[in-house]
PDB file of N, CA and C in Angstrom:
ATOM      1  N   UNK A   1       5.867  14.333  63.932  1.00  0.00           N
ATOM      2  CA  UNK A   1       6.972  13.742  64.658  1.00  0.00           C
ATOM      3  C   UNK A   1       8.247  13.890  63.842  1.00  0.00           C
ATOM      4  N   UNK A   2       9.278  14.352  64.481  1.00  0.00           N
ATOM      5  CA  UNK A   2      10.580  14.476  63.824  1.00  0.00           C
ATOM      6  C   UNK A   2      11.462  13.322  64.260  1.00  0.00           C
ATOM      7  N   UNK A   3      12.212  12.813  63.319  1.00  0.00           N
ATOM      8  CA  UNK A   3      13.181  11.766  63.608  1.00  0.00           C
ATOM      9  C   UNK A   3      14.556  12.252  63.214  1.00  0.00           C
ATOM     10  N   UNK A   4      15.534  11.877  63.986  1.00  0.00           N
ATOM     11  CA  UNK A   4      16.906  12.240  63.692  1.00  0.00           C
ATOM     12  C   UNK A   4      17.749  10.977  63.663  1.00  0.00           C
ATOM     13  N   UNK A   5      18.677  10.949  62.776  1.00  0.00           N
ATOM     14  CA  UNK A   5      19.624   9.840  62.714  1.00  0.00           C
ATOM     15  C   UNK A   5      20.990  10.392  63.082  1.00  0.00           C
ATOM     16  N   UNK A   6      21.591   9.771  64.070  1.00  0.00           N
ATOM     17  CA  UNK A   6      22.934  10.152  64.488  1.00  0.00           C
ATOM     18  C   UNK A   6      23.793   8.911  64.356  1.00  0.00           C
ATOM     19  N   UNK A   7      24.795   8.982  63.518  1.00  0.00           N
ATOM     20  CA  UNK A   7      25.688   7.832  63.355  1.00  0.00           C
ATOM     21  C   UNK A   7      27.117   8.309  63.218  1.00  0.00           C
ATOM     22  N   UNK A   8      28.011   7.368  63.253  1.00  0.00           N
ATOM     23  CA  UNK A   8      29.434   7.671  63.157  1.00  0.00           C
ATOM     24  C   UNK A   8      30.131   6.466  62.554  1.00  0.00           C
ATOM     25  N   UNK A   9      31.308   6.664  62.060  1.00  0.00           N
ATOM     26  CA  UNK A   9      32.108   5.581  61.488  1.00  0.00           C
ATOM     27  C   UNK A   9      33.421   5.514  62.251  1.00  0.00           C
ATOM     28  N   UNK A  10      33.796   4.320  62.641  1.00  0.00           N
ATOM     29  CA  UNK A  10      35.043   4.105  63.356  1.00  0.00           C
ATOM     30  C   UNK A  10      35.762   2.916  62.739  1.00  0.00           C
ATOM     31  N   UNK A  11      37.033   3.080  62.478  1.00  0.00           N
ATOM     32  CA  UNK A  11      37.856   1.991  61.957  1.00  0.00           C
ATOM     33  C   UNK A  11      38.686   1.411  63.098  1.00  0.00           C
ATOM     34  N   UNK A  12      38.624   0.089  63.248  1.00  0.00           N
ATOM     35  CA  UNK A  12      39.363  -0.602  64.297  1.00  0.00           C
ATOM     36  C   UNK A  12      40.304  -1.600  63.628  1.00  0.00           C
ATOM     37  N   UNK A  13      41.574  -1.545  64.004  1.00  0.00           N
ATOM     38  CA  UNK A  13      42.570  -2.462  63.456  1.00  0.00           C
ATOM     39  C   UNK A  13      43.043  -3.389  64.570  1.00  0.00           C
ATOM     40  N   UNK A  14      42.975  -4.677  64.277  1.00  0.00           N
ATOM     41  CA  UNK A  14      43.436  -5.688  65.222  1.00  0.00           C
ATOM     42  C   UNK A  14      44.837  -6.152  64.862  1.00  0.00           C
ATOM     43  N   UNK A  15      45.601  -6.492  65.860  1.00  0.00           N
ATOM     44  CA  UNK A  15      46.858  -7.197  65.651  1.00  0.00           C
ATOM     45  C   UNK A  15      46.509  -8.617  65.221  1.00  0.00           C
ATOM     46  N   UNK A  16      47.490  -9.333  64.740  1.00  0.00           N
ATOM     47  CA  UNK A  16      47.255 -10.719  64.384  1.00  0.00           C
ATOM     48  C   UNK A  16      46.983 -11.523  65.655  1.00  0.00           C
ATOM     49  N   UNK A  17      45.945 -12.343  65.616  1.00  0.00           N
ATOM     50  CA  UNK A  17      45.546 -13.140  66.771  1.00  0.00           C
ATOM     51  C   UNK A  17      45.797 -14.617  66.500  1.00  0.00           C
ATOM     52  N   UNK A  18      46.342 -15.289  67.475  1.00  0.00           N
ATOM     53  CA  UNK A  18      46.529 -16.734  67.349  1.00  0.00           C
ATOM     54  C   UNK A  18      45.195 -17.431  67.581  1.00  0.00           C
ATOM     55  N   UNK A  19      45.107 -18.658  67.151  1.00  0.00           N
ATOM     56  CA  UNK A  19      43.912 -19.466  67.396  1.00  0.00           C
ATOM     57  C   UNK A  19      43.653 -19.583  68.887  1.00  0.00           C
ATOM     58  N   UNK A  20      44.713 -19.717  69.678  1.00  0.00           N
ATOM     59  CA  UNK A  20      44.575 -19.848  71.124  1.00  0.00           C
ATOM     60  C   UNK A  20      43.993 -18.581  71.748  1.00  0.00           C
ATOM     61  N   UNK A  21      44.423 -17.414  71.269  1.00  0.00           N
ATOM     62  CA  UNK A  21      43.891 -16.151  71.787  1.00  0.00           C
ATOM     63  C   UNK A  21      42.408 -16.011  71.459  1.00  0.00           C
ATOM     64  N   UNK A  22      42.046 -16.371  70.247  1.00  0.00           N
ATOM     65  CA  UNK A  22      40.644 -16.292  69.840  1.00  0.00           C
ATOM     66  C   UNK A  22      39.796 -17.236  70.690  1.00  0.00           C
ATOM     67  N   UNK A  23      40.275 -18.450  70.883  1.00  0.00           N
ATOM     68  CA  UNK A  23      39.536 -19.421  71.684  1.00  0.00           C
ATOM     69  C   UNK A  23      39.407 -18.965  73.128  1.00  0.00           C
ATOM     70  N   UNK A  24      40.460 -18.383  73.669  1.00  0.00           N
ATOM     71  CA  UNK A  24      40.412 -17.842  75.037  1.00  0.00           C
ATOM     72  C   UNK A  24      39.323 -16.781  75.130  1.00  0.00           C
ATOM     73  N   UNK A  25      39.275 -15.888  74.162  1.00  0.00           N
ATOM     74  CA  UNK A  25      38.263 -14.827  74.168  1.00  0.00           C
ATOM     75  C   UNK A  25      36.855 -15.412  74.100  1.00  0.00           C
ATOM     76  N   UNK A  26      36.659 -16.353  73.224  1.00  0.00           N
ATOM     77  CA  UNK A  26      35.345 -16.988  73.092  1.00  0.00           C
ATOM     78  C   UNK A  26      34.938 -17.667  74.396  1.00  0.00           C
ATOM     79  N   UNK A  27      35.865 -18.405  74.998  1.00  0.00           N
ATOM     80  CA  UNK A  27      35.565 -19.157  76.218  1.00  0.00           C
ATOM     81  C   UNK A  27      35.293 -18.271  77.432  1.00  0.00           C
ATOM     82  N   UNK A  28      35.972 -17.133  77.525  1.00  0.00           N
ATOM     83  CA  UNK A  28      35.890 -16.317  78.738  1.00  0.00           C
ATOM     84  C   UNK A  28      35.021 -15.064  78.618  1.00  0.00           C
ATOM     85  N   UNK A  29      34.739 -14.607  77.429  1.00  0.00           N
ATOM     86  CA  UNK A  29      34.034 -13.331  77.286  1.00  0.00           C
ATOM     87  C   UNK A  29      32.740 -13.414  76.480  1.00  0.00           C
ATOM     88  N   UNK A  30      32.374 -14.583  76.005  1.00  0.00           N
ATOM     89  CA  UNK A  30      31.094 -14.817  75.327  1.00  0.00           C
ATOM     90  C   UNK A  30      30.748 -13.701  74.330  1.00  0.00           C
ATOM     91  N   UNK A  31      31.490 -13.592  73.242  1.00  0.00           N
ATOM     92  CA  UNK A  31      31.344 -12.472  72.323  1.00  0.00           C
ATOM     93  C   UNK A  31      30.129 -12.526  71.397  1.00  0.00           C
ATOM     94  N   UNK A  32      29.387 -13.621  71.398  1.00  0.00           N
ATOM     95  CA  UNK A  32      28.336 -13.775  70.400  1.00  0.00           C
ATOM     96  C   UNK A  32      27.113 -12.908  70.634  1.00  0.00           C
ATOM     97  N   UNK A  33      27.021 -12.258  71.781  1.00  0.00           N
ATOM     98  CA  UNK A  33      25.910 -11.347  72.018  1.00  0.00           C
ATOM     99  C   UNK A  33      26.309  -9.896  71.768  1.00  0.00           C
ATOM    100  N   UNK A  34      27.448  -9.691  71.122  1.00  0.00           N
ATOM    101  CA  UNK A  34      27.955  -8.347  70.880  1.00  0.00           C
ATOM    102  C   UNK A  34      27.960  -8.041  69.381  1.00  0.00           C
ATOM    103  N   UNK A  35      27.685  -6.799  69.043  1.00  0.00           N
ATOM    104  CA  UNK A  35      27.797  -6.386  67.648  1.00  0.00           C
ATOM    105  C   UNK A  35      29.246  -6.543  67.215  1.00  0.00           C
ATOM    106  N   UNK A  36      29.473  -7.184  66.093  1.00  0.00           N
ATOM    107  CA  UNK A  36      30.838  -7.415  65.641  1.00  0.00           C
ATOM    108  C   UNK A  36      31.525  -8.561  66.348  1.00  0.00           C
ATOM    109  N   UNK A  37      30.858  -9.179  67.289  1.00  0.00           N
ATOM    110  CA  UNK A  37      31.368 -10.332  68.050  1.00  0.00           C
ATOM    111  C   UNK A  37      32.583 -10.025  68.917  1.00  0.00           C
ATOM    112  N   UNK A  38      32.740  -8.789  69.302  1.00  0.00           N
ATOM    113  CA  UNK A  38      33.783  -8.473  70.283  1.00  0.00           C
ATOM    114  C   UNK A  38      33.377  -7.222  71.043  1.00  0.00           C
ATOM    115  N   UNK A  39      33.877  -7.113  72.250  1.00  0.00           N
ATOM    116  CA  UNK A  39      33.673  -5.915  73.050  1.00  0.00           C
ATOM    117  C   UNK A  39      35.003  -5.202  73.193  1.00  0.00           C
ATOM    118  N   UNK A  40      35.089  -4.005  72.662  1.00  0.00           N
ATOM    119  CA  UNK A  40      36.353  -3.261  72.710  1.00  0.00           C
ATOM    120  C   UNK A  40      36.789  -3.015  74.153  1.00  0.00           C
ATOM    121  N   UNK A  41      35.833  -2.983  75.078  1.00  0.00           N
ATOM    122  CA  UNK A  41      36.130  -2.746  76.486  1.00  0.00           C
ATOM    123  C   UNK A  41      36.572  -4.022  77.194  1.00  0.00           C
ATOM    124  N   UNK A  42      36.473  -5.167  76.524  1.00  0.00           N
ATOM    125  CA  UNK A  42      36.874  -6.453  77.092  1.00  0.00           C
ATOM    126  C   UNK A  42      38.377  -6.684  76.920  1.00  0.00           C
ATOM    127  N   UNK A  43      38.820  -7.806  77.380  1.00  0.00           N
ATOM    128  CA  UNK A  43      40.214  -8.233  77.288  1.00  0.00           C
ATOM    129  C   UNK A  43      40.762  -8.067  75.870  1.00  0.00           C
ATOM    130  N   UNK A  44      39.982  -8.460  74.887  1.00  0.00           N
ATOM    131  CA  UNK A  44      40.447  -8.417  73.493  1.00  0.00           C
ATOM    132  C   UNK A  44      40.813  -6.992  73.078  1.00  0.00           C
ATOM    133  N   UNK A  45      40.067  -6.019  73.554  1.00  0.00           N
ATOM    134  CA  UNK A  45      40.369  -4.631  73.234  1.00  0.00           C
ATOM    135  C   UNK A  45      41.684  -4.163  73.827  1.00  0.00           C
ATOM    136  N   UNK A  46      42.016  -4.692  74.985  1.00  0.00           N
ATOM    137  CA  UNK A  46      43.268  -4.305  75.649  1.00  0.00           C
ATOM    138  C   UNK A  46      44.497  -4.964  75.048  1.00  0.00           C
ATOM    139  N   UNK A  47      44.352  -6.159  74.517  1.00  0.00           N
ATOM    140  CA  UNK A  47      45.530  -6.891  74.054  1.00  0.00           C
ATOM    141  C   UNK A  47      45.660  -6.975  72.544  1.00  0.00           C
ATOM    142  N   UNK A  48      44.601  -6.720  71.803  1.00  0.00           N
ATOM    143  CA  UNK A  48      44.660  -7.012  70.375  1.00  0.00           C
ATOM    144  C   UNK A  48      44.375  -5.834  69.450  1.00  0.00           C
ATOM    145  N   UNK A  49      43.840  -4.752  69.959  1.00  0.00           N
ATOM    146  CA  UNK A  49      43.554  -3.617  69.076  1.00  0.00           C
ATOM    147  C   UNK A  49      44.798  -2.750  68.979  1.00  0.00           C
ATOM    148  N   UNK A  50      45.294  -2.648  67.756  1.00  0.00           N
ATOM    149  CA  UNK A  50      46.525  -1.884  67.548  1.00  0.00           C
ATOM    150  C   UNK A  50      46.251  -0.442  67.123  1.00  0.00           C
ATOM    151  N   UNK A  51      45.030  -0.177  66.630  1.00  0.00           N
ATOM    152  CA  UNK A  51      44.733   1.174  66.161  1.00  0.00           C
ATOM    153  C   UNK A  51      43.224   1.385  66.135  1.00  0.00           C
ATOM    154  N   UNK A  52      42.819   2.584  66.515  1.00  0.00           N
ATOM    155  CA  UNK A  52      41.415   2.967  66.400  1.00  0.00           C
ATOM    156  C   UNK A  52      41.363   4.359  65.791  1.00  0.00           C
ATOM    157  N   UNK A  53      40.588   4.487  64.728  1.00  0.00           N
ATOM    158  CA  UNK A  53      40.450   5.755  64.037  1.00  0.00           C
ATOM    159  C   UNK A  53      38.984   6.157  64.137  1.00  0.00           C
ATOM    160  N   UNK A  54      38.690   7.047  65.076  1.00  0.00           N
ATOM    161  CA  UNK A  54      37.316   7.469  65.279  1.00  0.00           C
ATOM    162  C   UNK A  54      36.923   7.362  66.738  1.00  0.00           C
ATOM    163  N   UNK A  55      35.642   7.140  66.945  1.00  0.00           N
ATOM    164  CA  UNK A  55      35.062   7.186  68.282  1.00  0.00           C
ATOM    165  C   UNK A  55      35.098   5.835  68.982  1.00  0.00           C
ATOM    166  N   UNK A  56      35.746   5.800  70.131  1.00  0.00           N
ATOM    167  CA  UNK A  56      35.771   4.596  70.968  1.00  0.00           C
ATOM    168  C   UNK A  56      34.361   4.224  71.409  1.00  0.00           C
ATOM    169  N   UNK A  57      33.568   5.225  71.828  1.00  0.00           N
ATOM    170  CA  UNK A  57      32.217   4.921  72.304  1.00  0.00           C
ATOM    171  C   UNK A  57      31.314   4.448  71.177  1.00  0.00           C
ATOM    172  N   UNK A  58      31.607   4.819  69.955  1.00  0.00           N
ATOM    173  CA  UNK A  58      30.853   4.306  68.815  1.00  0.00           C
ATOM    174  C   UNK A  58      31.039   2.801  68.682  1.00  0.00           C
ATOM    175  N   UNK A  59      32.253   2.330  68.906  1.00  0.00           N
ATOM    176  CA  UNK A  59      32.525   0.900  68.843  1.00  0.00           C
ATOM    177  C   UNK A  59      31.769   0.180  69.957  1.00  0.00           C
ATOM    178  N   UNK A  60      31.615   0.817  71.095  1.00  0.00           N
ATOM    179  CA  UNK A  60      30.878   0.219  72.208  1.00  0.00           C
ATOM    180  C   UNK A  60      29.376   0.190  71.930  1.00  0.00           C
ATOM    181  N   UNK A  61      28.903   1.023  71.002  1.00  0.00           N
ATOM    182  CA  UNK A  61      27.498   0.957  70.627  1.00  0.00           C
ATOM    183  C   UNK A  61      26.763   2.278  70.535  1.00  0.00           C
ATOM    184  N   UNK A  62      27.335   3.359  71.044  1.00  0.00           N
ATOM    185  CA  UNK A  62      26.660   4.651  70.983  1.00  0.00           C
ATOM    186  C   UNK A  62      27.708   5.763  70.896  1.00  0.00           C
ATOM    187  N   UNK A  63      27.722   6.500  69.788  1.00  0.00           N
ATOM    188  CA  UNK A  63      28.712   7.577  69.646  1.00  0.00           C
ATOM    189  C   UNK A  63      28.347   8.769  70.531  1.00  0.00           C
ATOM    190  N   UNK A  64      28.680   8.672  71.800  1.00  0.00           N
ATOM    191  CA  UNK A  64      28.221   9.667  72.775  1.00  0.00           C
ATOM    192  C   UNK A  64      28.738  11.078  72.483  1.00  0.00           C
ATOM    193  N   UNK A  65      29.930  11.193  71.935  1.00  0.00           N
ATOM    194  CA  UNK A  65      30.456  12.532  71.622  1.00  0.00           C
ATOM    195  C   UNK A  65      29.567  13.211  70.579  1.00  0.00           C
ATOM    196  N   UNK A  66      29.201  12.458  69.545  1.00  0.00           N
ATOM    197  CA  UNK A  66      28.369  13.005  68.481  1.00  0.00           C
ATOM    198  C   UNK A  66      26.953  13.265  68.989  1.00  0.00           C
ATOM    199  N   UNK A  67      26.433  12.378  69.815  1.00  0.00           N
ATOM    200  CA  UNK A  67      25.100  12.567  70.385  1.00  0.00           C
ATOM    201  C   UNK A  67      25.064  13.809  71.263  1.00  0.00           C
ATOM    202  N   UNK A  68      26.057  13.981  72.118  1.00  0.00           N
ATOM    203  CA  UNK A  68      26.112  15.149  72.990  1.00  0.00           C
ATOM    204  C   UNK A  68      26.175  16.432  72.172  1.00  0.00           C
ATOM    205  N   UNK A  69      26.993  16.428  71.131  1.00  0.00           N
ATOM    206  CA  UNK A  69      27.113  17.605  70.276  1.00  0.00           C
ATOM    207  C   UNK A  69      25.773  17.938  69.618  1.00  0.00           C
ATOM    208  N   UNK A  70      25.082  16.924  69.135  1.00  0.00           N
ATOM    209  CA  UNK A  70      23.775  17.118  68.506  1.00  0.00           C
ATOM    210  C   UNK A  70      22.763  17.688  69.504  1.00  0.00           C
ATOM    211  N   UNK A  71      22.676  17.071  70.665  1.00  0.00           N
ATOM    212  CA  UNK A  71      21.711  17.518  71.670  1.00  0.00           C
ATOM    213  C   UNK A  71      22.028  18.918  72.165  1.00  0.00           C
ATOM    214  N   UNK A  72      23.285  19.259  72.225  1.00  0.00           N
ATOM    215  CA  UNK A  72      23.701  20.590  72.677  1.00  0.00           C
ATOM    216  C   UNK A  72      23.263  21.676  71.697  1.00  0.00           C
ATOM    217  N   UNK A  73      23.054  21.316  70.442  1.00  0.00           N
ATOM    218  CA  UNK A  73      22.647  22.282  69.419  1.00  0.00           C
ATOM    219  C   UNK A  73      21.131  22.471  69.353  1.00  0.00           C
ATOM    220  N   UNK A  74      20.372  21.632  70.032  1.00  0.00           N
ATOM    221  CA  UNK A  74      18.895  21.754  70.001  1.00  0.00           C
ATOM    222  C   UNK A  74      18.410  22.961  70.773  1.00  0.00           C
TER     223      UNK A  74
END
């Protein structure tokens, strides 16, 4: 059996968040079931992420660009 590891690194920079913004996110989007406690595709990603360096889909949980490239080479 062969195993392959496909991973990626993505840097995400947030703007400064007020306590009220954080509480709003917690109350409305239930972040505790998410890796990193936030969903980039949620409200917080639209209003608070000032920069992303790398793969957006990696932040969501699966670096699809890298996976597709790997599978295409098989």
